[in-house]
Amino acid sequence: MRTGPIARTGRRGLLYLALTAGGLLWLYPFLWAVGGSLKSDDDFFATGLDPFTTHPQWSNYSQAWEEGDFGRYFLNTVLFAGGTVVLTVLATAMAGYVLARTEFPGRKAVLALIGATLFLPHGYTIIPVFDLIQRLHLLNTLWALIIVQSASGMVFGTFLFMGYFSTIDRGLEEAARVDGADFHQVFWRIMLPLSGPMLATVALFSCINAWNSFFVPLVFTLSRPDLHTLTVGMFTFLGENSTAWTLVCAGSVITLLPIVAVFLGLQRYFVNGLAGAVKE
């Protein structure tokens, strides 16, 4: 049964209205944090859930940066996230290419075993991982954070690359082999450069997860406060008897802005990468 243009326009308008309301509801905690970061202590408790303020206190940001020692934590977070991205992208790209382009005995069993690890909670594996890192004498180092965080994203990234490489025409590889390229040269010189959207997608996922990670930096640098990341450093403002909530909000905004900027810069590659990974 056909409907008139007025009815279609009305339904479309209701849909847009519902999506706009849902988006605002989703963004409200961030808007409230931004508003709270610009309030005075008295204004923060007086206005409650109101995200707006008439007298913005921009000095909260400089105070949060200095009192929270965010300069050191920011550098630690950049090194942690950057190392995680590099290690995760390289390892998952190579693993995904092998699983997508080679056949070997037990391949399906390997894929099933790798996929099953996605359902293992971090709490079940943290003790053996901690013991392994300690035996490797990497505890309380940035290398421990990078290795553990990268391992947590290996399975997801591998499956993404495997799906993406499966969509690339095999004729490109065959032509390269005719020209004398071996398996490794085909990967590094042809397949990896062609996987730019997926590289950006996995890098973005890894960067977001590492930047927002709290559990891993807390556990593996527990006795080295100088190696804490921004998320762990937020505890600076949580006192035993009181909490500087305006500084907590300011610190949260400082922590979020870099990763939001990274996402906005890579969102086009992110969408293209996901579309390529699920393409049949």
C-alpha atoms as a PDB file:
ATOM      1  CA  MET A   1       0.000   0.000   0.000  1.00  0.00           C
ATOM      2  CA  ARG A   2       1.470   3.301  -1.102  1.00  0.00           C
ATOM      3  CA  THR A   3       1.584   6.281   1.173  1.00  0.00           C
ATOM      4  CA  GLY A   4       1.457   9.937   0.231  1.00  0.00           C
ATOM      5  CA  PRO A   5       4.407  12.326   0.341  1.00  0.00           C
ATOM      6  CA  ILE A   6       3.009  14.057   3.435  1.00  0.00           C
ATOM      7  CA  ALA A   7       2.897  10.778   5.378  1.00  0.00           C
ATOM      8  CA  ARG A   8       6.446   9.857   4.299  1.00  0.00           C
ATOM      9  CA  THR A   9       7.711  13.297   5.268  1.00  0.00           C
ATOM     10  CA  GLY A  10       5.989  13.016   8.652  1.00  0.00           C
ATOM     11  CA  ARG A  11       7.537   9.615   9.363  1.00  0.00           C
ATOM     12  CA  ARG A  12      10.945  10.853   8.291  1.00  0.00           C
ATOM     13  CA  GLY A  13      10.572  13.871  10.554  1.00  0.00           C
ATOM     14  CA  LEU A  14       9.649  11.684  13.532  1.00  0.00           C
ATOM     15  CA  LEU A  15      12.615   9.440  12.804  1.00  0.00           C
ATOM     16  CA  TYR A  16      15.016  12.401  12.693  1.00  0.00           C
ATOM     17  CA  LEU A  17      13.496  13.776  15.897  1.00  0.00           C
ATOM     18  CA  ALA A  18      13.933  10.439  17.684  1.00  0.00           C
ATOM     19  CA  LEU A  19      17.529  10.095  16.454  1.00  0.00           C
ATOM     20  CA  THR A  20      18.325  13.669  17.518  1.00  0.00           C
ATOM     21  CA  ALA A  21      16.864  13.053  20.977  1.00  0.00           C
ATOM     22  CA  GLY A  22      18.817   9.824  21.306  1.00  0.00           C
ATOM     23  CA  GLY A  23      22.022  11.545  20.208  1.00  0.00           C
ATOM     24  CA  LEU A  24      21.569  14.356  22.717  1.00  0.00           C
ATOM     25  CA  LEU A  25      20.865  11.834  25.463  1.00  0.00           C
ATOM     26  CA  TRP A  26      24.045   9.962  24.531  1.00  0.00           C
ATOM     27  CA  LEU A  27      26.101  13.177  24.505  1.00  0.00           C
ATOM     28  CA  TYR A  28      24.670  14.545  27.752  1.00  0.00           C
ATOM     29  CA  PRO A  29      27.314  13.024  30.101  1.00  0.00           C
ATOM     30  CA  PHE A  30      30.081  14.597  28.007  1.00  0.00           C
ATOM     31  CA  LEU A  31      28.285  17.956  27.897  1.00  0.00           C
ATOM     32  CA  TRP A  32      27.750  17.775  31.653  1.00  0.00           C
ATOM     33  CA  ALA A  33      31.464  17.080  32.187  1.00  0.00           C
ATOM     34  CA  VAL A  34      32.398  20.051  29.996  1.00  0.00           C
ATOM     35  CA  GLY A  35      29.990  22.267  31.921  1.00  0.00           C
ATOM     36  CA  GLY A  36      31.221  20.960  35.265  1.00  0.00           C
ATOM     37  CA  SER A  37      34.817  21.663  34.288  1.00  0.00           C
ATOM     38  CA  LEU A  38      33.942  25.373  33.917  1.00  0.00           C
ATOM     39  CA  LYS A  39      32.110  25.794  37.211  1.00  0.00           C
ATOM     40  CA  SER A  40      33.286  26.934  40.600  1.00  0.00           C
ATOM     41  CA  ASP A  41      32.982  24.504  43.500  1.00  0.00           C
ATOM     42  CA  ASP A  42      29.882  26.257  44.848  1.00  0.00           C
ATOM     43  CA  ASP A  43      28.286  26.502  41.416  1.00  0.00           C
ATOM     44  CA  PHE A  44      28.972  22.818  40.744  1.00  0.00           C
ATOM     45  CA  PHE A  45      26.865  21.649  43.682  1.00  0.00           C
ATOM     46  CA  ALA A  46      24.260  24.402  43.347  1.00  0.00           C
ATOM     47  CA  THR A  47      23.358  23.719  39.698  1.00  0.00           C
ATOM     48  CA  GLY A  48      23.174  19.923  39.965  1.00  0.00           C
ATOM     49  CA  LEU A  49      22.640  18.306  36.558  1.00  0.00           C
ATOM     50  CA  ASP A  50      22.544  21.598  34.676  1.00  0.00           C
ATOM     51  CA  PRO A  51      25.501  21.515  32.235  1.00  0.00           C
ATOM     52  CA  PHE A  52      25.532  25.281  31.720  1.00  0.00           C
ATOM     53  CA  THR A  53      27.215  27.991  33.747  1.00  0.00           C
ATOM     54  CA  THR A  54      27.086  31.769  33.540  1.00  0.00           C
ATOM     55  CA  HIS A  55      30.566  32.337  34.987  1.00  0.00           C
ATOM     56  CA  PRO A  56      33.016  29.913  33.313  1.00  0.00           C
ATOM     57  CA  GLN A  57      36.182  29.199  35.284  1.00  0.00           C
ATOM     58  CA  TRP A  58      38.760  28.515  32.569  1.00  0.00           C
ATOM     59  CA  SER A  59      41.482  28.360  35.198  1.00  0.00           C
ATOM     60  CA  ASN A  60      40.197  24.903  36.194  1.00  0.00           C
ATOM     61  CA  TYR A  61      42.006  23.417  33.197  1.00  0.00           C
ATOM     62  CA  SER A  62      45.395  24.870  34.031  1.00  0.00           C
ATOM     63  CA  GLN A  63      44.898  23.946  37.679  1.00  0.00           C
ATOM     64  CA  ALA A  64      43.989  20.362  36.771  1.00  0.00           C
ATOM     65  CA  TRP A  65      46.984  20.088  34.451  1.00  0.00           C
ATOM     66  CA  GLU A  66      49.433  21.343  37.074  1.00  0.00           C
ATOM     67  CA  GLU A  67      48.034  19.711  40.214  1.00  0.00           C
ATOM     68  CA  GLY A  68      47.392  16.397  38.480  1.00  0.00           C
ATOM     69  CA  ASP A  69      50.867  16.293  36.894  1.00  0.00           C
ATOM     70  CA  PHE A  70      49.107  15.707  33.586  1.00  0.00           C
ATOM     71  CA  GLY A  71      52.208  16.601  31.558  1.00  0.00           C
ATOM     72  CA  ARG A  72      53.957  13.413  32.657  1.00  0.00           C
ATOM     73  CA  TYR A  73      50.801  11.304  32.409  1.00  0.00           C
ATOM     74  CA  PHE A  74      50.070  12.663  28.938  1.00  0.00           C
ATOM     75  CA  LEU A  75      53.518  11.652  27.681  1.00  0.00           C
ATOM     76  CA  ASN A  76      53.136   8.179  29.225  1.00  0.00           C
ATOM     77  CA  THR A  77      49.750   7.782  27.562  1.00  0.00           C
ATOM     78  CA  VAL A  78      51.074   8.853  24.149  1.00  0.00           C
ATOM     79  CA  LEU A  79      53.961   6.374  24.372  1.00  0.00           C
ATOM     80  CA  PHE A  80      51.650   3.638  25.633  1.00  0.00           C
ATOM     81  CA  ALA A  81      48.997   4.178  22.968  1.00  0.00           C
ATOM     82  CA  GLY A  82      51.531   4.676  20.177  1.00  0.00           C
ATOM     83  CA  GLY A  83      53.451   1.510  21.011  1.00  0.00           C
ATOM     84  CA  THR A  84      50.222  -0.458  21.285  1.00  0.00           C
ATOM     85  CA  VAL A  85      49.037   0.752  17.876  1.00  0.00           C
ATOM     86  CA  VAL A  86      52.299  -0.159  16.121  1.00  0.00           C
ATOM     87  CA  LEU A  87      52.573  -3.616  17.688  1.00  0.00           C
ATOM     88  CA  THR A  88      48.892  -4.465  17.232  1.00  0.00           C
ATOM     89  CA  VAL A  89      48.697  -3.318  13.601  1.00  0.00           C
ATOM     90  CA  LEU A  90      51.832  -5.170  12.514  1.00  0.00           C
ATOM     91  CA  ALA A  91      50.988  -8.410  14.308  1.00  0.00           C
ATOM     92  CA  THR A  92      47.329  -8.551  13.290  1.00  0.00           C
ATOM     93  CA  ALA A  93      48.062  -7.595   9.665  1.00  0.00           C
ATOM     94  CA  MET A  94      50.534 -10.458   9.301  1.00  0.00           C
ATOM     95  CA  ALA A  95      48.294 -12.943  11.104  1.00  0.00           C
ATOM     96  CA  GLY A  96      45.215 -11.872   9.146  1.00  0.00           C
ATOM     97  CA  TYR A  97      47.024 -12.219   5.816  1.00  0.00           C
ATOM     98  CA  VAL A  98      48.268 -15.714   6.626  1.00  0.00           C
ATOM     99  CA  LEU A  99      44.838 -16.893   7.763  1.00  0.00           C
ATOM    100  CA  ALA A 100      43.131 -15.352   4.717  1.00  0.00           C
ATOM    101  CA  ARG A 101      45.523 -16.548   2.028  1.00  0.00           C
ATOM    102  CA  THR A 102      46.985 -19.863   3.170  1.00  0.00           C
ATOM    103  CA  GLU A 103      45.524 -23.296   3.768  1.00  0.00           C
ATOM    104  CA  PHE A 104      47.129 -25.541   6.364  1.00  0.00           C
ATOM    105  CA  PRO A 105      46.040 -28.573   8.415  1.00  0.00           C
ATOM    106  CA  GLY A 106      43.920 -27.563  11.382  1.00  0.00           C
ATOM    107  CA  ARG A 107      43.161 -24.071  10.054  1.00  0.00           C
ATOM    108  CA  LYS A 108      39.504 -24.210  11.112  1.00  0.00           C
ATOM    109  CA  ALA A 109      40.467 -25.448  14.567  1.00  0.00           C
ATOM    110  CA  VAL A 110      42.947 -22.594  14.933  1.00  0.00           C
ATOM    111  CA  LEU A 111      40.292 -20.064  13.916  1.00  0.00           C
ATOM    112  CA  ALA A 112      37.812 -21.563  16.386  1.00  0.00           C
ATOM    113  CA  LEU A 113      40.381 -21.485  19.188  1.00  0.00           C
ATOM    114  CA  ILE A 114      41.338 -17.886  18.423  1.00  0.00           C
ATOM    115  CA  GLY A 115      37.676 -16.856  18.271  1.00  0.00           C
ATOM    116  CA  ALA A 116      36.939 -18.536  21.619  1.00  0.00           C
ATOM    117  CA  THR A 117      39.444 -16.272  23.354  1.00  0.00           C
ATOM    118  CA  LEU A 118      37.178 -13.302  22.581  1.00  0.00           C
ATOM    119  CA  PHE A 119      34.820 -14.534  25.295  1.00  0.00           C
ATOM    120  CA  LEU A 120      37.448 -14.755  28.043  1.00  0.00           C
ATOM    121  CA  PRO A 121      37.062 -11.917  30.584  1.00  0.00           C
ATOM    122  CA  HIS A 122      40.220 -10.028  31.499  1.00  0.00           C
ATOM    123  CA  GLY A 123      39.742 -10.941  35.140  1.00  0.00           C
ATOM    124  CA  TYR A 124      40.230 -14.639  34.367  1.00  0.00           C
ATOM    125  CA  THR A 125      43.592 -14.163  32.674  1.00  0.00           C
ATOM    126  CA  ILE A 126      45.138 -11.268  34.583  1.00  0.00           C
ATOM    127  CA  ILE A 127      46.911 -13.475  37.165  1.00  0.00           C
ATOM    128  CA  PRO A 128      48.835 -15.674  34.674  1.00  0.00           C
ATOM    129  CA  VAL A 129      49.574 -12.606  32.525  1.00  0.00           C
ATOM    130  CA  PHE A 130      50.873 -10.741  35.572  1.00  0.00           C
ATOM    131  CA  ASP A 131      53.035 -13.725  36.516  1.00  0.00           C
ATOM    132  CA  LEU A 132      54.422 -13.951  32.970  1.00  0.00           C
ATOM    133  CA  ILE A 133      55.269 -10.246  32.841  1.00  0.00           C
ATOM    134  CA  GLN A 134      56.970 -10.506  36.229  1.00  0.00           C
ATOM    135  CA  ARG A 135      59.062 -13.505  35.111  1.00  0.00           C
ATOM    136  CA  LEU A 136      60.122 -11.518  32.029  1.00  0.00           C
ATOM    137  CA  HIS A 137      61.275  -8.691  34.359  1.00  0.00           C
ATOM    138  CA  LEU A 138      58.998  -6.216  32.586  1.00  0.00           C
ATOM    139  CA  LEU A 139      56.774  -5.324  35.522  1.00  0.00           C
ATOM    140  CA  ASN A 140      56.463  -1.579  36.184  1.00  0.00           C
ATOM    141  CA  THR A 141      57.638  -0.640  32.683  1.00  0.00           C
ATOM    142  CA  LEU A 142      55.865   0.849  29.684  1.00  0.00           C
ATOM    143  CA  TRP A 143      56.770  -2.278  27.724  1.00  0.00           C
ATOM    144  CA  ALA A 144      54.549  -4.306  30.038  1.00  0.00           C
ATOM    145  CA  LEU A 145      51.600  -2.019  29.292  1.00  0.00           C
ATOM    146  CA  ILE A 146      52.207  -2.129  25.535  1.00  0.00           C
ATOM    147  CA  ILE A 147      52.548  -5.907  25.359  1.00  0.00           C
ATOM    148  CA  VAL A 148      49.531  -6.688  27.543  1.00  0.00           C
ATOM    149  CA  GLN A 149      47.287  -4.098  25.893  1.00  0.00           C
ATOM    150  CA  SER A 150      48.309  -5.222  22.397  1.00  0.00           C
ATOM    151  CA  ALA A 151      47.572  -8.840  23.247  1.00  0.00           C
ATOM    152  CA  SER A 152      44.026  -7.908  24.248  1.00  0.00           C
ATOM    153  CA  GLY A 153      43.300  -6.535  20.753  1.00  0.00           C
ATOM    154  CA  MET A 154      45.049  -9.185  18.661  1.00  0.00           C
ATOM    155  CA  VAL A 155      42.049 -11.422  18.000  1.00  0.00           C
ATOM    156  CA  PHE A 156      39.657  -8.686  16.911  1.00  0.00           C
ATOM    157  CA  GLY A 157      42.247  -7.027  14.678  1.00  0.00           C
ATOM    158  CA  THR A 158      43.273 -10.347  13.134  1.00  0.00           C
ATOM    159  CA  PHE A 159      39.699 -11.148  12.127  1.00  0.00           C
ATOM    160  CA  LEU A 160      39.254  -7.677  10.649  1.00  0.00           C
ATOM    161  CA  PHE A 161      42.386  -8.030   8.513  1.00  0.00           C
ATOM    162  CA  MET A 162      41.470 -11.571   7.539  1.00  0.00           C
ATOM    163  CA  GLY A 163      38.086 -10.400   6.268  1.00  0.00           C
ATOM    164  CA  TYR A 164      39.640  -7.472   4.413  1.00  0.00           C
ATOM    165  CA  PHE A 165      42.399  -9.475   2.710  1.00  0.00           C
ATOM    166  CA  SER A 166      39.835 -12.061   1.623  1.00  0.00           C
ATOM    167  CA  THR A 167      38.119  -9.416  -0.521  1.00  0.00           C
ATOM    168  CA  ILE A 168      41.265  -8.465  -2.483  1.00  0.00           C
ATOM    169  CA  ASP A 169      41.603 -10.052  -5.915  1.00  0.00           C
ATOM    170  CA  ARG A 170      44.094 -12.928  -5.911  1.00  0.00           C
ATOM    171  CA  GLY A 171      45.169 -11.924  -9.399  1.00  0.00           C
ATOM    172  CA  LEU A 172      47.359  -9.201  -7.897  1.00  0.00           C
ATOM    173  CA  GLU A 173      49.314 -11.767  -5.911  1.00  0.00           C
ATOM    174  CA  GLU A 174      49.615 -14.133  -8.843  1.00  0.00           C
ATOM    175  CA  ALA A 175      50.942 -11.344 -11.065  1.00  0.00           C
ATOM    176  CA  ALA A 176      53.510 -10.427  -8.408  1.00  0.00           C
ATOM    177  CA  ARG A 177      54.658 -14.038  -8.094  1.00  0.00           C
ATOM    178  CA  VAL A 178      55.058 -14.257 -11.860  1.00  0.00           C
ATOM    179  CA  ASP A 179      57.406 -11.274 -11.558  1.00  0.00           C
ATOM    180  CA  GLY A 180      59.463 -13.191  -8.988  1.00  0.00           C
ATOM    181  CA  ALA A 181      58.060 -11.878  -5.677  1.00  0.00           C
ATOM    182  CA  ASP A 182      57.929 -14.346  -2.798  1.00  0.00           C
ATOM    183  CA  PHE A 183      55.251 -14.599  -0.079  1.00  0.00           C
ATOM    184  CA  HIS A 184      56.784 -11.954   2.165  1.00  0.00           C
ATOM    185  CA  GLN A 185      57.411  -9.488  -0.649  1.00  0.00           C
ATOM    186  CA  VAL A 186      53.808  -9.819  -1.827  1.00  0.00           C
ATOM    187  CA  PHE A 187      52.593  -8.976   1.655  1.00  0.00           C
ATOM    188  CA  TRP A 188      54.893  -6.023   2.386  1.00  0.00           C
ATOM    189  CA  ARG A 189      54.943  -4.427  -1.059  1.00  0.00           C
ATOM    190  CA  ILE A 190      51.441  -5.106  -2.375  1.00  0.00           C
ATOM    191  CA  MET A 191      48.881  -6.346   0.138  1.00  0.00           C
ATOM    192  CA  LEU A 192      49.832  -4.161   3.105  1.00  0.00           C
ATOM    193  CA  PRO A 193      49.799  -0.886   1.102  1.00  0.00           C
ATOM    194  CA  LEU A 194      46.393  -1.853  -0.310  1.00  0.00           C
ATOM    195  CA  SER A 195      44.971  -2.297   3.188  1.00  0.00           C
ATOM    196  CA  GLY A 196      45.183   1.383   4.109  1.00  0.00           C
ATOM    197  CA  PRO A 197      41.549   1.691   5.316  1.00  0.00           C
ATOM    198  CA  MET A 198      41.905  -1.405   7.486  1.00  0.00           C
ATOM    199  CA  LEU A 199      45.227  -0.195   8.867  1.00  0.00           C
ATOM    200  CA  ALA A 200      43.505   3.014   9.944  1.00  0.00           C
ATOM    201  CA  THR A 201      40.559   1.082  11.401  1.00  0.00           C
ATOM    202  CA  VAL A 202      42.663  -1.271  13.535  1.00  0.00           C
ATOM    203  CA  ALA A 203      44.961   1.597  14.530  1.00  0.00           C
ATOM    204  CA  LEU A 204      41.962   3.651  15.638  1.00  0.00           C
ATOM    205  CA  PHE A 205      40.464   0.795  17.647  1.00  0.00           C
ATOM    206  CA  SER A 206      43.822   0.086  19.288  1.00  0.00           C
ATOM    207  CA  CYS A 207      44.458   3.747  20.051  1.00  0.00           C
ATOM    208  CA  ILE A 208      41.024   4.276  21.618  1.00  0.00           C
ATOM    209  CA  ASN A 209      41.264   1.125  23.738  1.00  0.00           C
ATOM    210  CA  ALA A 210      44.786   1.939  24.917  1.00  0.00           C
ATOM    211  CA  TRP A 211      44.040   5.598  25.596  1.00  0.00           C
ATOM    212  CA  ASN A 212      40.955   4.745  27.668  1.00  0.00           C
ATOM    213  CA  SER A 213      42.475   1.695  29.361  1.00  0.00           C
ATOM    214  CA  PHE A 214      42.437   1.839  33.134  1.00  0.00           C
ATOM    215  CA  PHE A 215      42.845  -1.713  34.411  1.00  0.00           C
ATOM    216  CA  VAL A 216      46.090  -2.582  32.599  1.00  0.00           C
ATOM    217  CA  PRO A 217      48.022   0.618  33.498  1.00  0.00           C
ATOM    218  CA  LEU A 218      46.820   0.395  37.094  1.00  0.00           C
ATOM    219  CA  VAL A 219      47.868  -3.238  37.648  1.00  0.00           C
ATOM    220  CA  PHE A 220      51.193  -3.245  35.814  1.00  0.00           C
ATOM    221  CA  THR A 221      52.527   0.095  37.121  1.00  0.00           C
ATOM    222  CA  LEU A 222      51.077  -0.086  40.621  1.00  0.00           C
ATOM    223  CA  SER A 223      54.374   0.694  42.358  1.00  0.00           C
ATOM    224  CA  ARG A 224      55.538   3.244  39.743  1.00  0.00           C
ATOM    225  CA  PRO A 225      53.265   6.316  39.945  1.00  0.00           C
ATOM    226  CA  ASP A 226      55.567   8.115  37.515  1.00  0.00           C
ATOM    227  CA  LEU A 227      54.470   5.653  34.790  1.00  0.00           C
ATOM    228  CA  HIS A 228      50.743   6.138  35.303  1.00  0.00           C
ATOM    229  CA  THR A 229      48.597   7.137  32.352  1.00  0.00           C
ATOM    230  CA  LEU A 230      45.933   9.849  32.221  1.00  0.00           C
ATOM    231  CA  THR A 231      43.106   7.530  33.245  1.00  0.00           C
ATOM    232  CA  VAL A 232      44.966   6.328  36.337  1.00  0.00           C
ATOM    233  CA  GLY A 233      46.244   9.823  37.041  1.00  0.00           C
ATOM    234  CA  MET A 234      42.669  11.035  37.469  1.00  0.00           C
ATOM    235  CA  PHE A 235      42.794   9.525  40.958  1.00  0.00           C
ATOM    236  CA  THR A 236      44.957  12.479  41.947  1.00  0.00           C
ATOM    237  CA  PHE A 237      41.783  14.494  42.502  1.00  0.00           C
ATOM    238  CA  LEU A 238      40.037  11.837  44.585  1.00  0.00           C
ATOM    239  CA  GLY A 239      40.948  12.472  48.207  1.00  0.00           C
ATOM    240  CA  GLU A 240      40.202  10.389  51.269  1.00  0.00           C
ATOM    241  CA  ASN A 241      37.801  12.969  52.711  1.00  0.00           C
ATOM    242  CA  SER A 242      36.924  15.157  49.732  1.00  0.00           C
ATOM    243  CA  THR A 243      36.954  15.189  45.935  1.00  0.00           C
ATOM    244  CA  ALA A 244      37.721  18.133  43.638  1.00  0.00           C
ATOM    245  CA  TRP A 245      34.856  17.444  41.251  1.00  0.00           C
ATOM    246  CA  THR A 246      35.454  20.462  39.047  1.00  0.00           C
ATOM    247  CA  LEU A 247      39.046  19.338  38.524  1.00  0.00           C
ATOM    248  CA  VAL A 248      37.862  15.790  37.879  1.00  0.00           C
ATOM    249  CA  CYS A 249      35.624  17.115  35.104  1.00  0.00           C
ATOM    250  CA  ALA A 250      38.432  19.283  33.714  1.00  0.00           C
ATOM    251  CA  GLY A 251      40.815  16.328  33.760  1.00  0.00           C
ATOM    252  CA  SER A 252      38.220  14.158  32.027  1.00  0.00           C
ATOM    253  CA  VAL A 253      37.830  16.681  29.223  1.00  0.00           C
ATOM    254  CA  ILE A 254      41.610  16.989  28.839  1.00  0.00           C
ATOM    255  CA  THR A 255      41.841  13.201  28.630  1.00  0.00           C
ATOM    256  CA  LEU A 256      39.055  12.859  26.068  1.00  0.00           C
ATOM    257  CA  LEU A 257      39.901  15.648  23.640  1.00  0.00           C
ATOM    258  CA  PRO A 258      42.975  14.031  21.998  1.00  0.00           C
ATOM    259  CA  ILE A 259      41.221  10.736  21.263  1.00  0.00           C
ATOM    260  CA  VAL A 260      38.147  12.553  19.946  1.00  0.00           C
ATOM    261  CA  ALA A 261      40.411  14.508  17.594  1.00  0.00           C
ATOM    262  CA  VAL A 262      42.046  11.277  16.405  1.00  0.00           C
ATOM    263  CA  PHE A 263      38.658   9.708  15.713  1.00  0.00           C
ATOM    264  CA  LEU A 264      37.405  12.730  13.774  1.00  0.00           C
ATOM    265  CA  GLY A 265      40.559  12.698  11.678  1.00  0.00           C
ATOM    266  CA  LEU A 266      40.337   8.976  10.861  1.00  0.00           C
ATOM    267  CA  GLN A 267      36.588   8.405  10.750  1.00  0.00           C
ATOM    268  CA  ARG A 268      36.499   8.215   6.931  1.00  0.00           C
ATOM    269  CA  TYR A 269      39.094   5.424   6.928  1.00  0.00           C
ATOM    270  CA  PHE A 270      37.335   3.813   9.858  1.00  0.00           C
ATOM    271  CA  VAL A 271      34.034   3.511   7.946  1.00  0.00           C
ATOM    272  CA  ASN A 272      35.774   2.339   4.768  1.00  0.00           C
ATOM    273  CA  GLY A 273      37.738  -0.256   6.684  1.00  0.00           C
ATOM    274  CA  LEU A 274      34.693  -1.734   8.385  1.00  0.00           C
ATOM    275  CA  ALA A 275      32.807  -1.801   5.077  1.00  0.00           C
ATOM    276  CA  GLY A 276      35.699  -3.658   3.451  1.00  0.00           C
ATOM    277  CA  ALA A 277      35.984  -6.132   6.315  1.00  0.00           C
ATOM    278  CA  VAL A 278      32.361  -7.280   5.973  1.00  0.00           C
ATOM    279  CA  LYS A 279      32.191  -7.124   2.187  1.00  0.00           C
ATOM    280  CA  GLU A 280      31.339 -10.448   0.617  1.00  0.00           C
END
